[in-house]
Amino acid sequence: MSVVRSMQVLGSQLRRRRRLLGLSQAAVGELTSLRQATISSLENGDGGTLESIFAVLSALKLEIELLERSNGGDDLGTIF
Protein backbone atom coordinates (compact mmCIF):
# COMPACT_ATOMS: atom_id res chain seq x y z
CA MET A 1 0.00 0.00 0.00
CA SER A 2 0.98 3.60 -0.25
CA VAL A 3 0.76 6.79 1.75
CA VAL A 4 -2.73 8.27 1.41
CA ARG A 5 -2.95 12.05 1.47
CA SER A 6 -6.18 12.65 -0.43
CA MET A 7 -9.59 11.14 -1.00
CA GLN A 8 -8.58 10.37 -4.60
CA VAL A 9 -5.61 8.28 -3.45
CA LEU A 10 -7.73 6.58 -0.78
CA GLY A 11 -10.35 5.77 -3.39
CA SER A 12 -7.86 4.27 -5.81
CA GLN A 13 -6.35 2.16 -3.01
CA LEU A 14 -9.80 0.90 -2.00
CA ARG A 15 -10.55 -0.02 -5.62
CA ARG A 16 -7.18 -1.76 -5.99
CA ARG A 17 -7.72 -3.80 -2.83
CA ARG A 18 -11.32 -4.69 -3.74
CA ARG A 19 -10.21 -5.98 -7.12
CA LEU A 20 -7.30 -7.87 -5.55
CA LEU A 21 -9.80 -9.66 -3.33
CA GLY A 22 -12.01 -10.40 -6.34
CA LEU A 23 -14.99 -8.49 -4.98
CA SER A 24 -17.49 -6.40 -6.88
CA GLN A 25 -18.69 -3.05 -5.57
CA ALA A 26 -22.05 -4.69 -4.92
CA ALA A 27 -20.39 -7.41 -2.84
CA VAL A 28 -18.59 -4.81 -0.72
CA GLY A 29 -21.91 -3.00 -0.38
CA GLU A 30 -23.51 -6.17 0.95
CA LEU A 31 -20.67 -6.71 3.43
CA THR A 32 -20.98 -3.15 4.71
CA SER A 33 -24.72 -2.51 4.34
CA LEU A 34 -23.83 0.38 2.02
CA ARG A 35 -25.23 1.01 -1.43
CA GLN A 36 -23.09 0.11 -4.44
CA ALA A 37 -23.28 3.79 -5.41
CA THR A 38 -21.64 4.71 -2.10
CA ILE A 39 -18.79 2.28 -2.75
CA SER A 40 -18.38 3.78 -6.22
CA SER A 41 -18.29 7.32 -4.80
CA LEU A 42 -15.63 6.36 -2.27
CA GLU A 43 -13.52 4.72 -4.97
CA ASN A 44 -13.85 7.83 -7.14
CA GLY A 45 -12.54 10.01 -4.31
CA ASP A 46 -15.84 11.82 -3.85
CA GLY A 47 -15.66 11.46 -0.10
CA GLY A 48 -17.99 9.83 2.34
CA THR A 49 -18.66 9.64 6.01
CA LEU A 50 -15.95 8.33 8.28
CA GLU A 51 -18.36 5.58 9.26
CA SER A 52 -18.66 4.50 5.61
CA ILE A 53 -14.92 4.68 5.05
CA PHE A 54 -14.19 2.57 8.13
CA ALA A 55 -16.86 0.03 7.14
CA VAL A 56 -15.26 -0.40 3.73
CA LEU A 57 -11.77 -0.58 5.24
CA SER A 58 -12.96 -3.32 7.56
CA ALA A 59 -14.65 -5.26 4.75
CA LEU A 60 -11.44 -5.07 2.71
CA LYS A 61 -9.34 -6.09 5.74
CA LEU A 62 -7.49 -2.78 5.84
CA GLU A 63 -6.73 -0.33 8.62
CA ILE A 64 -5.49 3.21 8.97
CA GLU A 65 -2.23 4.07 10.71
CA LEU A 66 -1.60 7.72 11.57
CA LEU A 67 1.90 9.01 10.94
CA GLU A 68 3.47 12.42 11.17
CA ARG A 69 3.81 13.85 7.67
CA SER A 70 7.34 13.65 6.37
CA ASN A 71 7.19 17.02 4.60
CA GLY A 72 5.58 19.00 7.41
CA GLY A 73 2.20 19.01 5.67
CA ASP A 74 1.17 22.57 6.48
CA ASP A 75 -0.46 23.15 3.09
CA LEU A 76 -4.08 21.99 3.34
CA GLY A 77 -4.46 22.72 -0.37
CA THR A 78 -2.52 19.54 -1.13
CA ILE A 79 -5.04 17.48 0.83
CA PHE A 80 -8.33 18.76 -0.60
PDB file of N, CA and C in Angstrom:
ATOM      1  N   MET A   1       0.836  -1.186   0.000  1.00  0.00           N
ATOM      2  CA  MET A   1       0.000   0.000   0.000  1.00  0.00           C
ATOM      3  C   MET A   1       0.876   1.243   0.000  1.00  0.00           C
ATOM      4  N   SER A   2       0.228   2.355  -0.166  1.00  0.00           N
ATOM      5  CA  SER A   2       0.976   3.600  -0.253  1.00  0.00           C
ATOM      6  C   SER A   2       0.465   4.605   0.772  1.00  0.00           C
ATOM      7  N   VAL A   3       1.170   5.703   0.881  1.00  0.00           N
ATOM      8  CA  VAL A   3       0.760   6.790   1.752  1.00  0.00           C
ATOM      9  C   VAL A   3      -0.457   7.451   1.108  1.00  0.00           C
ATOM     10  N   VAL A   4      -1.485   7.671   1.903  1.00  0.00           N
ATOM     11  CA  VAL A   4      -2.727   8.274   1.410  1.00  0.00           C
ATOM     12  C   VAL A   4      -2.829   9.681   1.959  1.00  0.00           C
ATOM     13  N   ARG A   5      -2.851  10.651   1.053  1.00  0.00           N
ATOM     14  CA  ARG A   5      -2.947  12.055   1.466  1.00  0.00           C
ATOM     15  C   ARG A   5      -4.125  12.776   0.833  1.00  0.00           C
ATOM     16  N   SER A   6      -4.997  12.033   0.164  1.00  0.00           N
ATOM     17  CA  SER A   6      -6.179  12.652  -0.427  1.00  0.00           C
ATOM     18  C   SER A   6      -7.263  11.599  -0.595  1.00  0.00           C
ATOM     19  N   MET A   7      -8.486  12.056  -0.779  1.00  0.00           N
ATOM     20  CA  MET A   7      -9.593  11.136  -1.005  1.00  0.00           C
ATOM     21  C   MET A   7      -9.407  10.384  -2.318  1.00  0.00           C
ATOM     22  N   GLN A   8      -8.802  11.026  -3.307  1.00  0.00           N
ATOM     23  CA  GLN A   8      -8.585  10.366  -4.595  1.00  0.00           C
ATOM     24  C   GLN A   8      -7.631   9.173  -4.436  1.00  0.00           C
ATOM     25  N   VAL A   9      -6.568   9.364  -3.673  1.00  0.00           N
ATOM     26  CA  VAL A   9      -5.614   8.276  -3.447  1.00  0.00           C
ATOM     27  C   VAL A   9      -6.266   7.181  -2.606  1.00  0.00           C
ATOM     28  N   LEU A  10      -7.024   7.572  -1.585  1.00  0.00           N
ATOM     29  CA  LEU A  10      -7.726   6.576  -0.782  1.00  0.00           C
ATOM     30  C   LEU A  10      -8.663   5.767  -1.671  1.00  0.00           C
ATOM     31  N   GLY A  11      -9.418   6.452  -2.512  1.00  0.00           N
ATOM     32  CA  GLY A  11     -10.353   5.766  -3.394  1.00  0.00           C
ATOM     33  C   GLY A  11      -9.674   4.778  -4.316  1.00  0.00           C
ATOM     34  N   SER A  12      -8.558   5.178  -4.896  1.00  0.00           N
ATOM     35  CA  SER A  12      -7.857   4.274  -5.810  1.00  0.00           C
ATOM     36  C   SER A  12      -7.285   3.067  -5.061  1.00  0.00           C
ATOM     37  N   GLN A  13      -6.851   3.274  -3.817  1.00  0.00           N
ATOM     38  CA  GLN A  13      -6.347   2.159  -3.015  1.00  0.00           C
ATOM     39  C   GLN A  13      -7.475   1.203  -2.613  1.00  0.00           C
ATOM     40  N   LEU A  14      -8.653   1.752  -2.314  1.00  0.00           N
ATOM     41  CA  LEU A  14      -9.798   0.902  -2.002  1.00  0.00           C
ATOM     42  C   LEU A  14     -10.185   0.068  -3.223  1.00  0.00           C
ATOM     43  N   ARG A  15     -10.220   0.697  -4.388  1.00  0.00           N
ATOM     44  CA  ARG A  15     -10.554  -0.024  -5.621  1.00  0.00           C
ATOM     45  C   ARG A  15      -9.527  -1.127  -5.901  1.00  0.00           C
ATOM     46  N   ARG A  16      -8.258  -0.791  -5.760  1.00  0.00           N
ATOM     47  CA  ARG A  16      -7.183  -1.764  -5.992  1.00  0.00           C
ATOM     48  C   ARG A  16      -7.337  -2.975  -5.076  1.00  0.00           C
ATOM     49  N   ARG A  17      -7.579  -2.720  -3.798  1.00  0.00           N
ATOM     50  CA  ARG A  17      -7.719  -3.802  -2.828  1.00  0.00           C
ATOM     51  C   ARG A  17      -8.967  -4.647  -3.118  1.00  0.00           C
ATOM     52  N   ARG A  18     -10.082  -3.974  -3.440  1.00  0.00           N
ATOM     53  CA  ARG A  18     -11.320  -4.692  -3.737  1.00  0.00           C
ATOM     54  C   ARG A  18     -11.116  -5.647  -4.909  1.00  0.00           C
ATOM     55  N   ARG A  19     -10.476  -5.144  -5.946  1.00  0.00           N
ATOM     56  CA  ARG A  19     -10.215  -5.981  -7.123  1.00  0.00           C
ATOM     57  C   ARG A  19      -9.251  -7.120  -6.791  1.00  0.00           C
ATOM     58  N   LEU A  20      -8.245  -6.832  -5.971  1.00  0.00           N
ATOM     59  CA  LEU A  20      -7.296  -7.867  -5.554  1.00  0.00           C
ATOM     60  C   LEU A  20      -8.009  -9.012  -4.825  1.00  0.00           C
ATOM     61  N   LEU A  21      -9.026  -8.660  -4.056  1.00  0.00           N
ATOM     62  CA  LEU A  21      -9.802  -9.658  -3.326  1.00  0.00           C
ATOM     63  C   LEU A  21     -10.878 -10.307  -4.194  1.00  0.00           C
ATOM     64  N   GLY A  22     -11.027  -9.827  -5.428  1.00  0.00           N
ATOM     65  CA  GLY A  22     -12.009 -10.401  -6.340  1.00  0.00           C
ATOM     66  C   GLY A  22     -13.448 -10.063  -5.990  1.00  0.00           C
ATOM     67  N   LEU A  23     -13.650  -8.910  -5.385  1.00  0.00           N
ATOM     68  CA  LEU A  23     -14.987  -8.491  -4.976  1.00  0.00           C
ATOM     69  C   LEU A  23     -15.542  -7.425  -5.913  1.00  0.00           C
ATOM     70  N   SER A  24     -16.824  -7.465  -6.133  1.00  0.00           N
ATOM     71  CA  SER A  24     -17.495  -6.396  -6.879  1.00  0.00           C
ATOM     72  C   SER A  24     -17.870  -5.288  -5.896  1.00  0.00           C
ATOM     73  N   GLN A  25     -18.215  -4.124  -6.431  1.00  0.00           N
ATOM     74  CA  GLN A  25     -18.689  -3.048  -5.569  1.00  0.00           C
ATOM     75  C   GLN A  25     -19.957  -3.476  -4.845  1.00  0.00           C
ATOM     76  N   ALA A  26     -20.809  -4.204  -5.542  1.00  0.00           N
ATOM     77  CA  ALA A  26     -22.052  -4.692  -4.923  1.00  0.00           C
ATOM     78  C   ALA A  26     -21.757  -5.633  -3.759  1.00  0.00           C
ATOM     79  N   ALA A  27     -20.756  -6.486  -3.916  1.00  0.00           N
ATOM     80  CA  ALA A  27     -20.389  -7.414  -2.838  1.00  0.00           C
ATOM     81  C   ALA A  27     -19.882  -6.654  -1.619  1.00  0.00           C
ATOM     82  N   VAL A  28     -19.064  -5.627  -1.838  1.00  0.00           N
ATOM     83  CA  VAL A  28     -18.585  -4.806  -0.719  1.00  0.00           C
ATOM     84  C   VAL A  28     -19.768  -4.083  -0.081  1.00  0.00           C
ATOM     85  N   GLY A  29     -20.700  -3.636  -0.901  1.00  0.00           N
ATOM     86  CA  GLY A  29     -21.911  -3.001  -0.384  1.00  0.00           C
ATOM     87  C   GLY A  29     -22.692  -3.935   0.526  1.00  0.00           C
ATOM     88  N   GLU A  30     -22.803  -5.192   0.125  1.00  0.00           N
ATOM     89  CA  GLU A  30     -23.511  -6.173   0.953  1.00  0.00           C
ATOM     90  C   GLU A  30     -22.774  -6.422   2.265  1.00  0.00           C
ATOM     91  N   LEU A  31     -21.457  -6.490   2.210  1.00  0.00           N
ATOM     92  CA  LEU A  31     -20.669  -6.715   3.429  1.00  0.00           C
ATOM     93  C   LEU A  31     -20.778  -5.561   4.412  1.00  0.00           C
ATOM     94  N   THR A  32     -21.000  -4.362   3.886  1.00  0.00           N
ATOM     95  CA  THR A  32     -20.983  -3.153   4.711  1.00  0.00           C
ATOM     96  C   THR A  32     -22.356  -2.539   4.944  1.00  0.00           C
ATOM     97  N   SER A  33     -23.365  -3.086   4.309  1.00  0.00           N
ATOM     98  CA  SER A  33     -24.724  -2.508   4.340  1.00  0.00           C
ATOM     99  C   SER A  33     -24.754  -1.114   3.726  1.00  0.00           C
ATOM    100  N   LEU A  34     -23.861  -0.885   2.771  1.00  0.00           N
ATOM    101  CA  LEU A  34     -23.834   0.375   2.024  1.00  0.00           C
ATOM    102  C   LEU A  34     -24.302   0.110   0.594  1.00  0.00           C
ATOM    103  N   ARG A  35     -24.812   1.146  -0.038  1.00  0.00           N
ATOM    104  CA  ARG A  35     -25.230   1.012  -1.430  1.00  0.00           C
ATOM    105  C   ARG A  35     -24.011   0.902  -2.334  1.00  0.00           C
ATOM    106  N   GLN A  36     -24.164   0.223  -3.450  1.00  0.00           N
ATOM    107  CA  GLN A  36     -23.090   0.115  -4.437  1.00  0.00           C
ATOM    108  C   GLN A  36     -22.652   1.495  -4.885  1.00  0.00           C
ATOM    109  N   ALA A  37     -23.609   2.420  -5.004  1.00  0.00           N
ATOM    110  CA  ALA A  37     -23.283   3.791  -5.412  1.00  0.00           C
ATOM    111  C   ALA A  37     -22.361   4.472  -4.402  1.00  0.00           C
ATOM    112  N   THR A  38     -22.506   4.146  -3.130  1.00  0.00           N
ATOM    113  CA  THR A  38     -21.635   4.709  -2.095  1.00  0.00           C
ATOM    114  C   THR A  38     -20.223   4.171  -2.252  1.00  0.00           C
ATOM    115  N   ILE A  39     -20.109   2.883  -2.530  1.00  0.00           N
ATOM    116  CA  ILE A  39     -18.788   2.280  -2.754  1.00  0.00           C
ATOM    117  C   ILE A  39     -18.132   2.932  -3.961  1.00  0.00           C
ATOM    118  N   SER A  40     -18.890   3.126  -5.013  1.00  0.00           N
ATOM    119  CA  SER A  40     -18.377   3.775  -6.222  1.00  0.00           C
ATOM    120  C   SER A  40     -17.895   5.192  -5.918  1.00  0.00           C
ATOM    121  N   SER A  41     -18.682   5.948  -5.163  1.00  0.00           N
ATOM    122  CA  SER A  41     -18.292   7.320  -4.805  1.00  0.00           C
ATOM    123  C   SER A  41     -16.989   7.343  -4.014  1.00  0.00           C
ATOM    124  N   LEU A  42     -16.868   6.430  -3.052  1.00  0.00           N
ATOM    125  CA  LEU A  42     -15.631   6.365  -2.272  1.00  0.00           C
ATOM    126  C   LEU A  42     -14.446   6.049  -3.175  1.00  0.00           C
ATOM    127  N   GLU A  43     -14.617   5.100  -4.077  1.00  0.00           N
ATOM    128  CA  GLU A  43     -13.517   4.723  -4.972  1.00  0.00           C
ATOM    129  C   GLU A  43     -13.157   5.835  -5.943  1.00  0.00           C
ATOM    130  N   ASN A  44     -14.114   6.697  -6.244  1.00  0.00           N
ATOM    131  CA  ASN A  44     -13.853   7.828  -7.141  1.00  0.00           C
ATOM    132  C   ASN A  44     -13.304   9.039  -6.404  1.00  0.00           C
ATOM    133  N   GLY A  45     -13.116   8.910  -5.088  1.00  0.00           N
ATOM    134  CA  GLY A  45     -12.538  10.007  -4.313  1.00  0.00           C
ATOM    135  C   GLY A  45     -13.517  11.108  -3.997  1.00  0.00           C
ATOM    136  N   ASP A  46     -14.817  10.804  -4.096  1.00  0.00           N
ATOM    137  CA  ASP A  46     -15.838  11.819  -3.849  1.00  0.00           C
ATOM    138  C   ASP A  46     -16.130  12.024  -2.373  1.00  0.00           C
ATOM    139  N   GLY A  47     -15.462  11.299  -1.536  1.00  0.00           N
ATOM    140  CA  GLY A  47     -15.657  11.457  -0.103  1.00  0.00           C
ATOM    141  C   GLY A  47     -16.733  10.533   0.421  1.00  0.00           C
ATOM    142  N   GLY A  48     -17.003  10.654   1.656  1.00  0.00           N
ATOM    143  CA  GLY A  48     -17.995   9.832   2.337  1.00  0.00           C
ATOM    144  C   GLY A  48     -17.859  10.070   3.821  1.00  0.00           C
ATOM    145  N   THR A  49     -18.751   9.483   4.560  1.00  0.00           N
ATOM    146  CA  THR A  49     -18.655   9.637   6.006  1.00  0.00           C
ATOM    147  C   THR A  49     -17.513   8.774   6.524  1.00  0.00           C
ATOM    148  N   LEU A  50     -16.991   9.154   7.660  1.00  0.00           N
ATOM    149  CA  LEU A  50     -15.951   8.327   8.276  1.00  0.00           C
ATOM    150  C   LEU A  50     -16.492   6.941   8.592  1.00  0.00           C
ATOM    151  N   GLU A  51     -17.739   6.878   8.974  1.00  0.00           N
ATOM    152  CA  GLU A  51     -18.361   5.584   9.261  1.00  0.00           C
ATOM    153  C   GLU A  51     -18.345   4.693   8.021  1.00  0.00           C
ATOM    154  N   SER A  52     -18.678   5.261   6.865  1.00  0.00           N
ATOM    155  CA  SER A  52     -18.665   4.504   5.608  1.00  0.00           C
ATOM    156  C   SER A  52     -17.249   4.070   5.245  1.00  0.00           C
ATOM    157  N   ILE A  53     -16.318   4.987   5.383  1.00  0.00           N
ATOM    158  CA  ILE A  53     -14.921   4.680   5.054  1.00  0.00           C
ATOM    159  C   ILE A  53     -14.404   3.547   5.928  1.00  0.00           C
ATOM    160  N   PHE A  54     -14.665   3.617   7.241  1.00  0.00           N
ATOM    161  CA  PHE A  54     -14.192   2.567   8.135  1.00  0.00           C
ATOM    162  C   PHE A  54     -14.892   1.239   7.866  1.00  0.00           C
ATOM    163  N   ALA A  55     -16.153   1.272   7.477  1.00  0.00           N
ATOM    164  CA  ALA A  55     -16.865   0.033   7.142  1.00  0.00           C
ATOM    165  C   ALA A  55     -16.225  -0.641   5.937  1.00  0.00           C
ATOM    166  N   VAL A  56     -15.885   0.161   4.926  1.00  0.00           N
ATOM    167  CA  VAL A  56     -15.256  -0.398   3.731  1.00  0.00           C
ATOM    168  C   VAL A  56     -13.851  -0.896   4.054  1.00  0.00           C
ATOM    169  N   LEU A  57     -13.101  -0.132   4.821  1.00  0.00           N
ATOM    170  CA  LEU A  57     -11.766  -0.578   5.236  1.00  0.00           C
ATOM    171  C   LEU A  57     -11.848  -1.923   5.941  1.00  0.00           C
ATOM    172  N   SER A  58     -12.793  -2.069   6.833  1.00  0.00           N
ATOM    173  CA  SER A  58     -12.955  -3.319   7.564  1.00  0.00           C
ATOM    174  C   SER A  58     -13.318  -4.464   6.621  1.00  0.00           C
ATOM    175  N   ALA A  59     -14.235  -4.225   5.702  1.00  0.00           N
ATOM    176  CA  ALA A  59     -14.652  -5.260   4.750  1.00  0.00           C
ATOM    177  C   ALA A  59     -13.490  -5.704   3.870  1.00  0.00           C
ATOM    178  N   LEU A  60     -12.589  -4.766   3.564  1.00  0.00           N
ATOM    179  CA  LEU A  60     -11.442  -5.070   2.710  1.00  0.00           C
ATOM    180  C   LEU A  60     -10.218  -5.494   3.524  1.00  0.00           C
ATOM    181  N   LYS A  61     -10.416  -5.668   4.826  1.00  0.00           N
ATOM    182  CA  LYS A  61      -9.342  -6.091   5.742  1.00  0.00           C
ATOM    183  C   LYS A  61      -8.146  -5.124   5.711  1.00  0.00           C
ATOM    184  N   LEU A  62      -8.483  -3.842   5.800  1.00  0.00           N
ATOM    185  CA  LEU A  62      -7.486  -2.777   5.837  1.00  0.00           C
ATOM    186  C   LEU A  62      -7.671  -1.966   7.106  1.00  0.00           C
ATOM    187  N   GLU A  63      -6.637  -1.242   7.492  1.00  0.00           N
ATOM    188  CA  GLU A  63      -6.734  -0.330   8.622  1.00  0.00           C
ATOM    189  C   GLU A  63      -5.930   0.923   8.334  1.00  0.00           C
ATOM    190  N   ILE A  64      -6.190   1.937   9.113  1.00  0.00           N
ATOM    191  CA  ILE A  64      -5.486   3.214   8.974  1.00  0.00           C
ATOM    192  C   ILE A  64      -4.456   3.326  10.087  1.00  0.00           C
ATOM    193  N   GLU A  65      -3.276   3.785   9.724  1.00  0.00           N
ATOM    194  CA  GLU A  65      -2.234   4.069  10.707  1.00  0.00           C
ATOM    195  C   GLU A  65      -1.866   5.533  10.553  1.00  0.00           C
ATOM    196  N   LEU A  66      -1.929   6.295  11.614  1.00  0.00           N
ATOM    197  CA  LEU A  66      -1.602   7.718  11.567  1.00  0.00           C
ATOM    198  C   LEU A  66      -0.114   7.925  11.782  1.00  0.00           C
ATOM    199  N   LEU A  67       0.478   8.692  10.871  1.00  0.00           N
ATOM    200  CA  LEU A  67       1.899   9.010  10.941  1.00  0.00           C
ATOM    201  C   LEU A  67       2.083  10.508  10.793  1.00  0.00           C
ATOM    202  N   GLU A  68       3.134  11.019  11.379  1.00  0.00           N
ATOM    203  CA  GLU A  68       3.471  12.419  11.170  1.00  0.00           C
ATOM    204  C   GLU A  68       3.934  12.573   9.727  1.00  0.00           C
ATOM    205  N   ARG A  69       3.447  13.639   9.072  1.00  0.00           N
ATOM    206  CA  ARG A  69       3.806  13.850   7.666  1.00  0.00           C
ATOM    207  C   ARG A  69       5.294  14.132   7.546  1.00  0.00           C
ATOM    208  N   SER A  70       5.902  13.518   6.553  1.00  0.00           N
ATOM    209  CA  SER A  70       7.338  13.647   6.366  1.00  0.00           C
ATOM    210  C   SER A  70       7.747  15.017   5.848  1.00  0.00           C
ATOM    211  N   ASN A  71       6.830  15.720   5.162  1.00  0.00           N
ATOM    212  CA  ASN A  71       7.188  17.024   4.596  1.00  0.00           C
ATOM    213  C   ASN A  71       6.621  18.186   5.398  1.00  0.00           C
ATOM    214  N   GLY A  72       6.148  17.941   6.599  1.00  0.00           N
ATOM    215  CA  GLY A  72       5.579  19.003   7.412  1.00  0.00           C
ATOM    216  C   GLY A  72       4.084  19.134   7.217  1.00  0.00           C
ATOM    217  N   GLY A  73       3.616  19.053   5.980  1.00  0.00           N
ATOM    218  CA  GLY A  73       2.196  19.007   5.666  1.00  0.00           C
ATOM    219  C   GLY A  73       1.377  20.194   6.119  1.00  0.00           C
ATOM    220  N   ASP A  74       1.941  21.409   6.055  1.00  0.00           N
ATOM    221  CA  ASP A  74       1.172  22.570   6.478  1.00  0.00           C
ATOM    222  C   ASP A  74       0.222  23.077   5.412  1.00  0.00           C
ATOM    223  N   ASP A  75       0.353  22.644   4.184  1.00  0.00           N
ATOM    224  CA  ASP A  75      -0.457  23.149   3.091  1.00  0.00           C
ATOM    225  C   ASP A  75      -1.707  22.287   2.903  1.00  0.00           C
ATOM    226  N   LEU A  76      -2.840  22.754   3.461  1.00  0.00           N
ATOM    227  CA  LEU A  76      -4.079  21.994   3.342  1.00  0.00           C
ATOM    228  C   LEU A  76      -4.550  21.895   1.895  1.00  0.00           C
ATOM    229  N   GLY A  77      -4.080  22.762   1.035  1.00  0.00           N
ATOM    230  CA  GLY A  77      -4.457  22.717  -0.370  1.00  0.00           C
ATOM    231  C   GLY A  77      -4.015  21.444  -1.051  1.00  0.00           C
ATOM    232  N   THR A  78      -2.980  20.797  -0.531  1.00  0.00           N
ATOM    233  CA  THR A  78      -2.524  19.545  -1.126  1.00  0.00           C
ATOM    234  C   THR A  78      -3.378  18.361  -0.688  1.00  0.00           C
ATOM    235  N   ILE A  79      -4.207  18.564   0.321  1.00  0.00           N
ATOM    236  CA  ILE A  79      -5.039  17.484   0.828  1.00  0.00           C
ATOM    237  C   ILE A  79      -6.406  17.495   0.150  1.00  0.00           C
ATOM    238  N   PHE A  80      -6.965  18.672  -0.067  1.00  0.00           N
ATOM    239  CA  PHE A  80      -8.327  18.759  -0.604  1.00  0.00           C
ATOM    240  C   PHE A  80      -8.355  19.192  -2.031  1.00  0.00           C
TER     241      PHE A  80
END
